[in-house]
Amino acid sequence: MRSGVLDATPGLYRILGLEPAAELPVGFVLDMIHPDDRGVHGDQFAVLNAGQPINREFRIVRPDRTQRWIQHRGEVALGTDGRPTYGMGVIFDVTARHDAMQAVLQRHDRLNALVTVTAAAFWTTNHQGELNECAQWMNLTGQSYAQTRGTQWVDAVHPEDRARTLAAWTTAVQHASAYNTEYRILCADGIYRWFNSRAAPVLNKDGSVREWVGICLNVPGQSRYGQQGVLTPDPVEPDFSDRALTAAQVRAARGMVGLSKEELAKMAGVSISTIVRLEDANSPVRPRHDTVMAVRRALEQAGVAFTFDTNAKPGVREA
């Protein structure tokens, strides 16, 4: 510690971008710290000289002008006089981790920007469909956090749309299927406006639902529920062509067209176990959405049509 010279391994020279030399002065290493980080991390060897360990991450600028993120961990040994005699440390190149983190942050910023310009509200729920992050929903509706608990958020929906909206959401949560519906929301300014609400489940590796993410989109031309009681034109009927099937629908449809599980699996290009899971409402593993759609298309080609009426359970009929 008193010499101010590092006894460095070839690996350290490689990380620093230097040719191996007999000596590596501490001051030379400190001068390699990025100018923006030097004010915070230029005291590292002073800290060690005070007998304290360090664990720092910072940038360096190598002689070839490339930048690297490094992690420096160091400790000191004290002599009989209580003063530091020598230090021991290790340096890791953590550039890849920082680059990956920066990429994640960049994607997050892009998503936030996209949501800001396209959606009136962004929200998330737990796996049971109960709101978690709903600051934008509260700003839109004027509801407090307590007023969004459980299913109370539906109180901000127009009374005529309330039952239909809650039924569509409950069905989506129960079957881990995509959610897409339209309803009127009483906004914070006291005006009812039409919104298209969409959500999709985020799955764990085992196929179970971890959480839901959703957005509310303005519906152009349907912005107001008139003060005289005159409704704006009815919203466009939701498109159910991409709607996932319930276990009961799959069982009923297969029975109607007389297909065995093996025959249906072959037509859809999926495994027999996938058909078994689709027909079991209690199966903890849910097939991917594109797999469910392949089974649905196969059944529709065999001569059935699936129904998703607002005030009834999902059904099936002959095409």
Protein backbone atom coordinates (compact mmCIF):
# COMPACT_ATOMS: atom_id res chain seq x y z
CA MET A 1 0.00 0.00 0.00
CA ARG A 2 2.87 2.37 0.69
CA SER A 3 4.51 1.76 -2.71
CA GLY A 4 1.44 2.76 -4.74
CA VAL A 5 2.21 0.04 -7.29
CA LEU A 6 -0.05 -2.85 -8.34
CA ASP A 7 1.23 -6.39 -8.83
CA ALA A 8 -1.18 -7.27 -11.65
CA THR A 9 -2.01 -10.53 -13.40
CA PRO A 10 -2.10 -10.78 -17.21
CA GLY A 11 -5.89 -10.82 -16.98
CA LEU A 12 -5.98 -7.38 -15.42
CA TYR A 13 -3.74 -5.95 -18.13
CA ARG A 14 -6.07 -7.51 -20.72
CA ILE A 15 -9.19 -5.93 -19.15
CA LEU A 16 -7.47 -2.55 -18.99
CA GLY A 17 -6.29 -2.89 -22.60
CA LEU A 18 -2.63 -2.60 -21.61
CA GLU A 19 0.51 -4.48 -22.54
CA PRO A 20 1.88 -6.43 -19.54
CA ALA A 21 4.57 -4.47 -17.71
CA ALA A 22 6.70 -4.95 -14.63
CA GLU A 23 4.82 -2.30 -12.70
CA LEU A 24 1.37 -0.75 -12.81
CA PRO A 25 1.17 2.49 -10.81
CA VAL A 26 -2.10 3.10 -8.97
CA GLY A 27 -2.22 6.62 -10.35
CA PHE A 28 -2.19 5.29 -13.92
CA VAL A 29 -5.25 3.13 -13.23
CA LEU A 30 -7.09 6.01 -11.57
CA ASP A 31 -6.43 8.18 -14.62
CA MET A 32 -8.24 5.57 -16.75
CA ILE A 33 -11.53 6.14 -14.92
CA HIS A 34 -14.11 7.80 -17.17
CA PRO A 35 -14.20 11.58 -16.54
CA ASP A 36 -17.91 11.40 -15.60
CA ASP A 37 -17.19 8.72 -12.98
CA ARG A 38 -13.88 10.04 -11.65
CA GLY A 39 -15.41 12.42 -9.14
CA VAL A 40 -17.27 9.59 -7.42
CA HIS A 41 -14.81 6.72 -7.82
CA GLY A 42 -11.42 8.42 -7.89
CA ASP A 43 -11.04 7.89 -4.12
CA GLN A 44 -10.86 4.09 -4.18
CA PHE A 45 -7.25 3.66 -3.16
CA ALA A 46 -7.64 6.39 -0.57
CA VAL A 47 -10.49 4.36 0.92
CA LEU A 48 -8.30 1.24 0.94
CA ASN A 49 -5.50 3.21 2.57
CA ALA A 50 -7.95 4.06 5.32
CA GLY A 51 -8.42 0.33 5.97
CA GLN A 52 -11.88 0.07 4.38
CA PRO A 53 -12.97 -2.50 1.74
CA ILE A 54 -14.48 -1.35 -1.54
CA ASN A 55 -16.93 -2.71 -4.09
CA ARG A 56 -17.40 -0.27 -6.97
CA GLU A 57 -18.66 -0.33 -10.55
CA PHE A 58 -17.54 2.37 -12.98
CA ARG A 59 -16.38 3.02 -16.52
CA ILE A 60 -12.83 3.18 -17.77
CA VAL A 61 -11.43 4.57 -21.02
CA ARG A 62 -8.72 2.31 -22.39
CA PRO A 63 -5.74 3.54 -24.43
CA ASP A 64 -7.54 2.59 -27.66
CA ARG A 65 -10.39 4.96 -26.56
CA THR A 66 -12.88 2.12 -26.03
CA GLN A 67 -15.02 2.24 -22.89
CA ARG A 68 -15.63 -0.69 -20.54
CA TRP A 69 -17.63 -1.13 -17.36
CA ILE A 70 -15.65 -2.80 -14.60
CA GLN A 71 -16.37 -3.95 -11.08
CA HIS A 72 -13.57 -3.50 -8.55
CA ARG A 73 -13.61 -5.38 -5.24
CA GLY A 74 -10.75 -4.86 -2.83
CA GLU A 75 -9.71 -5.39 0.78
CA VAL A 76 -6.63 -4.55 2.83
CA ALA A 77 -4.55 -6.32 5.46
CA LEU A 78 -3.45 -4.35 8.50
CA GLY A 79 0.02 -4.52 10.02
CA THR A 80 0.91 -4.72 13.69
CA ASP A 81 0.77 -0.95 13.83
CA GLY A 82 -2.87 -1.00 12.68
CA ARG A 83 -2.04 0.56 9.34
CA PRO A 84 -2.76 -1.04 5.95
CA THR A 85 0.26 -2.97 4.66
CA TYR A 86 -1.02 -4.50 1.43
CA GLY A 87 -4.22 -4.79 -0.53
CA MET A 88 -5.85 -7.61 -2.46
CA GLY A 89 -8.42 -7.09 -5.15
CA VAL A 90 -10.12 -8.45 -8.22
CA ILE A 91 -11.55 -6.67 -11.24
CA PHE A 92 -14.39 -7.99 -13.41
CA ASP A 93 -15.37 -6.74 -16.85
CA VAL A 94 -19.16 -6.25 -16.49
CA THR A 95 -19.73 -4.39 -19.76
CA ALA A 96 -22.07 -7.07 -21.15
CA ARG A 97 -24.34 -6.83 -18.11
CA HIS A 98 -24.54 -3.05 -18.35
CA ASP A 99 -25.23 -3.23 -22.10
CA ALA A 100 -28.03 -5.72 -21.48
CA MET A 101 -29.49 -3.48 -18.75
CA GLN A 102 -29.31 -0.47 -21.06
CA ALA A 103 -31.12 -2.42 -23.79
CA VAL A 104 -33.91 -3.32 -21.34
CA LEU A 105 -34.23 0.30 -20.24
CA GLN A 106 -34.35 1.42 -23.87
CA ARG A 107 -37.14 -1.04 -24.66
CA HIS A 108 -38.98 0.13 -21.54
CA ASP A 109 -38.68 3.77 -22.64
CA ARG A 110 -39.93 2.88 -26.12
CA LEU A 111 -42.94 1.05 -24.68
CA ASN A 112 -43.73 3.99 -22.40
CA ALA A 113 -43.55 6.37 -25.34
CA LEU A 114 -45.83 4.15 -27.44
CA VAL A 115 -48.36 3.78 -24.63
CA THR A 116 -48.33 7.53 -24.02
CA VAL A 117 -49.29 8.39 -27.60
CA THR A 118 -51.77 5.54 -28.20
CA ALA A 119 -53.48 4.68 -24.93
CA ALA A 120 -55.62 6.59 -22.48
CA ALA A 121 -54.64 4.22 -19.68
CA PHE A 122 -52.18 1.40 -19.10
CA TRP A 123 -52.80 -1.07 -16.30
CA THR A 124 -51.64 -4.38 -14.88
CA THR A 125 -53.32 -6.95 -12.66
CA ASN A 126 -52.23 -9.96 -10.64
CA HIS A 127 -52.87 -13.48 -11.92
CA GLN A 128 -56.42 -13.35 -10.51
CA GLY A 129 -57.28 -10.24 -12.53
CA GLU A 130 -57.17 -7.73 -9.65
CA LEU A 131 -55.67 -4.33 -10.48
CA ASN A 132 -52.09 -3.69 -9.39
CA GLU A 133 -50.64 -0.75 -11.32
CA CYS A 134 -53.49 1.55 -12.22
CA ALA A 135 -52.29 5.16 -11.83
CA GLN A 136 -53.40 6.03 -15.38
CA TRP A 137 -56.80 4.38 -14.81
CA MET A 138 -57.23 6.49 -11.66
CA ASN A 139 -56.25 9.64 -13.58
CA LEU A 140 -58.76 8.75 -16.31
CA THR A 141 -61.68 7.95 -14.01
CA GLY A 142 -60.93 9.97 -10.89
CA GLN A 143 -61.27 6.81 -8.79
CA SER A 144 -59.06 6.40 -5.74
CA TYR A 145 -56.83 3.36 -5.28
CA ALA A 146 -59.30 1.93 -2.74
CA GLN A 147 -62.13 2.31 -5.27
CA THR A 148 -60.32 0.05 -7.76
CA ARG A 149 -59.92 -2.91 -5.38
CA GLY A 150 -61.50 -6.21 -6.35
CA THR A 151 -64.09 -5.50 -9.02
CA GLN A 152 -64.98 -1.99 -7.77
CA TRP A 153 -63.20 -0.48 -10.79
CA VAL A 154 -66.29 -1.45 -12.80
CA ASP A 155 -68.20 1.30 -10.94
CA ALA A 156 -66.55 3.73 -13.38
CA VAL A 157 -68.18 1.89 -16.30
CA HIS A 158 -71.57 3.01 -17.60
CA PRO A 159 -74.37 1.09 -15.82
CA GLU A 160 -75.66 -0.31 -19.12
CA ASP A 161 -72.20 -1.72 -19.96
CA ARG A 162 -71.24 -2.90 -16.50
CA ALA A 163 -72.49 -6.51 -16.49
CA ARG A 164 -71.23 -7.20 -20.01
CA THR A 165 -67.82 -5.71 -19.24
CA LEU A 166 -67.36 -7.67 -16.03
CA ALA A 167 -68.54 -10.90 -17.67
CA ALA A 168 -66.04 -10.50 -20.54
CA TRP A 169 -63.19 -9.82 -18.13
CA THR A 170 -64.11 -12.73 -15.84
CA THR A 171 -64.26 -15.09 -18.81
CA ALA A 172 -60.85 -13.96 -20.07
CA VAL A 173 -59.27 -14.44 -16.64
CA GLN A 174 -60.84 -17.86 -16.11
CA HIS A 175 -59.60 -19.14 -19.45
CA ALA A 176 -56.34 -17.18 -19.73
CA SER A 177 -57.49 -15.86 -23.09
CA ALA A 178 -57.01 -12.46 -24.71
CA TYR A 179 -59.42 -9.74 -23.59
CA ASN A 180 -60.90 -7.27 -26.06
CA THR A 181 -64.11 -5.36 -25.42
CA GLU A 182 -65.62 -1.87 -25.57
CA TYR A 183 -67.51 0.09 -22.96
CA ARG A 184 -68.23 3.60 -21.75
CA ILE A 185 -66.18 5.05 -18.91
CA LEU A 186 -67.24 7.93 -16.69
CA CYS A 187 -64.14 10.10 -17.00
CA ALA A 188 -62.83 12.41 -14.29
CA ASP A 189 -64.44 15.40 -16.05
CA GLY A 190 -67.92 13.86 -15.65
CA ILE A 191 -68.36 12.80 -19.29
CA TYR A 192 -68.94 9.25 -20.50
CA ARG A 193 -66.61 8.21 -23.32
CA TRP A 194 -66.23 5.00 -25.29
CA PHE A 195 -63.02 3.00 -24.90
CA ASN A 196 -61.68 -0.21 -26.35
CA SER A 197 -60.07 -2.19 -23.55
CA ARG A 198 -57.54 -4.89 -24.37
CA ALA A 199 -55.44 -7.17 -22.21
CA ALA A 200 -53.29 -10.27 -22.50
CA PRO A 201 -51.93 -12.70 -19.92
CA VAL A 202 -48.20 -12.86 -19.19
CA LEU A 203 -47.32 -16.51 -18.65
CA ASN A 204 -44.79 -18.30 -16.48
CA LYS A 205 -42.61 -21.01 -17.98
CA ASP A 206 -45.09 -23.67 -16.83
CA GLY A 207 -47.90 -21.98 -18.73
CA SER A 208 -49.63 -20.50 -15.67
CA VAL A 209 -50.57 -16.82 -15.63
CA ARG A 210 -48.15 -14.52 -13.80
CA GLU A 211 -49.98 -11.25 -14.46
CA TRP A 212 -52.12 -9.37 -16.96
CA VAL A 213 -51.21 -6.24 -18.90
CA GLY A 214 -53.82 -4.08 -20.54
CA ILE A 215 -54.61 -0.73 -22.12
CA CYS A 216 -57.68 1.42 -22.73
CA LEU A 217 -57.84 3.01 -26.19
CA ASN A 218 -60.05 5.90 -27.22
CA VAL A 219 -62.76 4.94 -29.72
CA PRO A 220 -62.91 7.72 -32.36
CA GLY A 221 -66.35 9.19 -32.95
CA GLN A 222 -67.82 7.75 -29.76
CA SER A 223 -66.53 10.21 -27.21
CA ARG A 224 -69.64 11.31 -25.33
CA TYR A 225 -72.75 9.96 -23.70
CA GLY A 226 -75.12 12.83 -24.42
CA GLN A 227 -76.49 14.91 -21.57
CA GLN A 228 -80.00 14.51 -23.04
CA GLY A 229 -79.77 10.74 -22.78
CA VAL A 230 -78.92 10.29 -26.46
CA LEU A 231 -76.37 7.57 -26.94
CA THR A 232 -73.61 7.71 -29.48
CA PRO A 233 -73.79 4.96 -32.13
CA ASP A 234 -73.28 1.47 -30.78
CA PRO A 235 -69.67 0.31 -30.82
CA VAL A 236 -68.50 -2.10 -33.47
CA GLU A 237 -69.11 -5.67 -32.41
CA PRO A 238 -65.95 -7.22 -30.95
CA ASP A 239 -64.02 -9.54 -33.24
CA PHE A 240 -64.01 -13.00 -31.68
CA SER A 241 -62.11 -14.70 -34.51
CA ASP A 242 -58.99 -14.80 -32.37
CA ARG A 243 -60.75 -15.73 -29.13
CA ALA A 244 -59.40 -18.74 -27.23
CA LEU A 245 -61.78 -21.65 -26.60
CA THR A 246 -63.05 -22.97 -23.30
CA ALA A 247 -62.56 -26.61 -22.37
CA ALA A 248 -66.30 -27.20 -22.74
CA GLN A 249 -66.30 -25.73 -26.25
CA VAL A 250 -63.50 -28.03 -27.38
CA ARG A 251 -65.18 -31.14 -25.92
CA ALA A 252 -68.58 -30.22 -27.40
CA ALA A 253 -67.18 -29.35 -30.82
CA ARG A 254 -65.15 -32.55 -31.05
CA GLY A 255 -68.28 -34.54 -30.12
CA MET A 256 -70.41 -32.74 -32.70
CA VAL A 257 -68.06 -33.53 -35.59
CA GLY A 258 -67.24 -37.03 -34.33
CA LEU A 259 -63.47 -36.67 -34.13
CA SER A 260 -61.28 -38.66 -31.77
CA LYS A 261 -58.56 -36.84 -29.84
CA GLU A 262 -55.99 -38.48 -32.10
CA GLU A 263 -57.79 -37.34 -35.26
CA LEU A 264 -58.19 -33.77 -34.02
CA ALA A 265 -54.54 -33.60 -32.96
CA LYS A 266 -53.46 -34.76 -36.44
CA MET A 267 -55.72 -32.22 -38.19
CA ALA A 268 -54.45 -29.35 -36.02
CA GLY A 269 -50.81 -30.43 -36.14
CA VAL A 270 -50.54 -30.65 -32.35
CA SER A 271 -49.88 -33.42 -29.83
CA ILE A 272 -52.61 -35.55 -28.29
CA SER A 273 -51.57 -34.29 -24.84
CA THR A 274 -52.37 -30.77 -26.03
CA ILE A 275 -55.94 -31.83 -26.82
CA VAL A 276 -56.20 -33.48 -23.40
CA ARG A 277 -55.07 -30.27 -21.68
CA LEU A 278 -57.42 -28.13 -23.75
CA GLU A 279 -60.40 -30.27 -22.72
CA ASP A 280 -59.45 -30.17 -19.04
CA ALA A 281 -60.62 -26.89 -17.49
CA ASN A 282 -58.56 -27.64 -14.36
CA SER A 283 -55.29 -28.30 -16.18
CA PRO A 284 -52.53 -26.13 -14.65
CA VAL A 285 -50.74 -25.98 -18.00
CA ARG A 286 -52.36 -23.93 -20.74
CA PRO A 287 -51.18 -24.35 -24.34
CA ARG A 288 -49.87 -21.32 -26.23
CA HIS A 289 -52.39 -19.10 -27.96
CA ASP A 290 -51.24 -20.07 -31.47
CA THR A 291 -51.66 -23.75 -30.54
CA VAL A 292 -55.22 -23.14 -29.32
CA MET A 293 -55.98 -21.26 -32.55
CA ALA A 294 -54.72 -24.21 -34.62
CA VAL A 295 -57.17 -26.50 -32.81
CA ARG A 296 -59.96 -23.96 -33.24
CA ARG A 297 -59.35 -23.65 -37.01
CA ALA A 298 -59.32 -27.43 -37.38
CA LEU A 299 -62.69 -27.74 -35.64
CA GLU A 300 -64.17 -24.91 -37.69
CA GLN A 301 -63.00 -26.60 -40.88
CA ALA A 302 -64.69 -29.77 -39.65
CA GLY A 303 -68.05 -27.96 -39.59
CA VAL A 304 -68.67 -26.11 -36.33
CA ALA A 305 -68.86 -22.44 -35.33
CA PHE A 306 -68.07 -21.02 -31.93
CA THR A 307 -70.27 -18.42 -30.27
CA PHE A 308 -69.36 -15.77 -27.72
CA ASP A 309 -72.65 -14.02 -26.98
CA THR A 310 -72.49 -11.18 -24.49
CA ASN A 311 -75.13 -12.49 -22.09
CA ALA A 312 -74.42 -16.20 -22.41
CA LYS A 313 -71.63 -18.67 -21.85
CA PRO A 314 -69.30 -19.40 -24.78
CA GLY A 315 -70.98 -22.00 -27.02
CA VAL A 316 -70.71 -24.07 -30.18
CA ARG A 317 -73.11 -24.80 -33.06
CA GLU A 318 -73.11 -26.34 -36.50
CA ALA A 319 -71.63 -24.04 -39.12
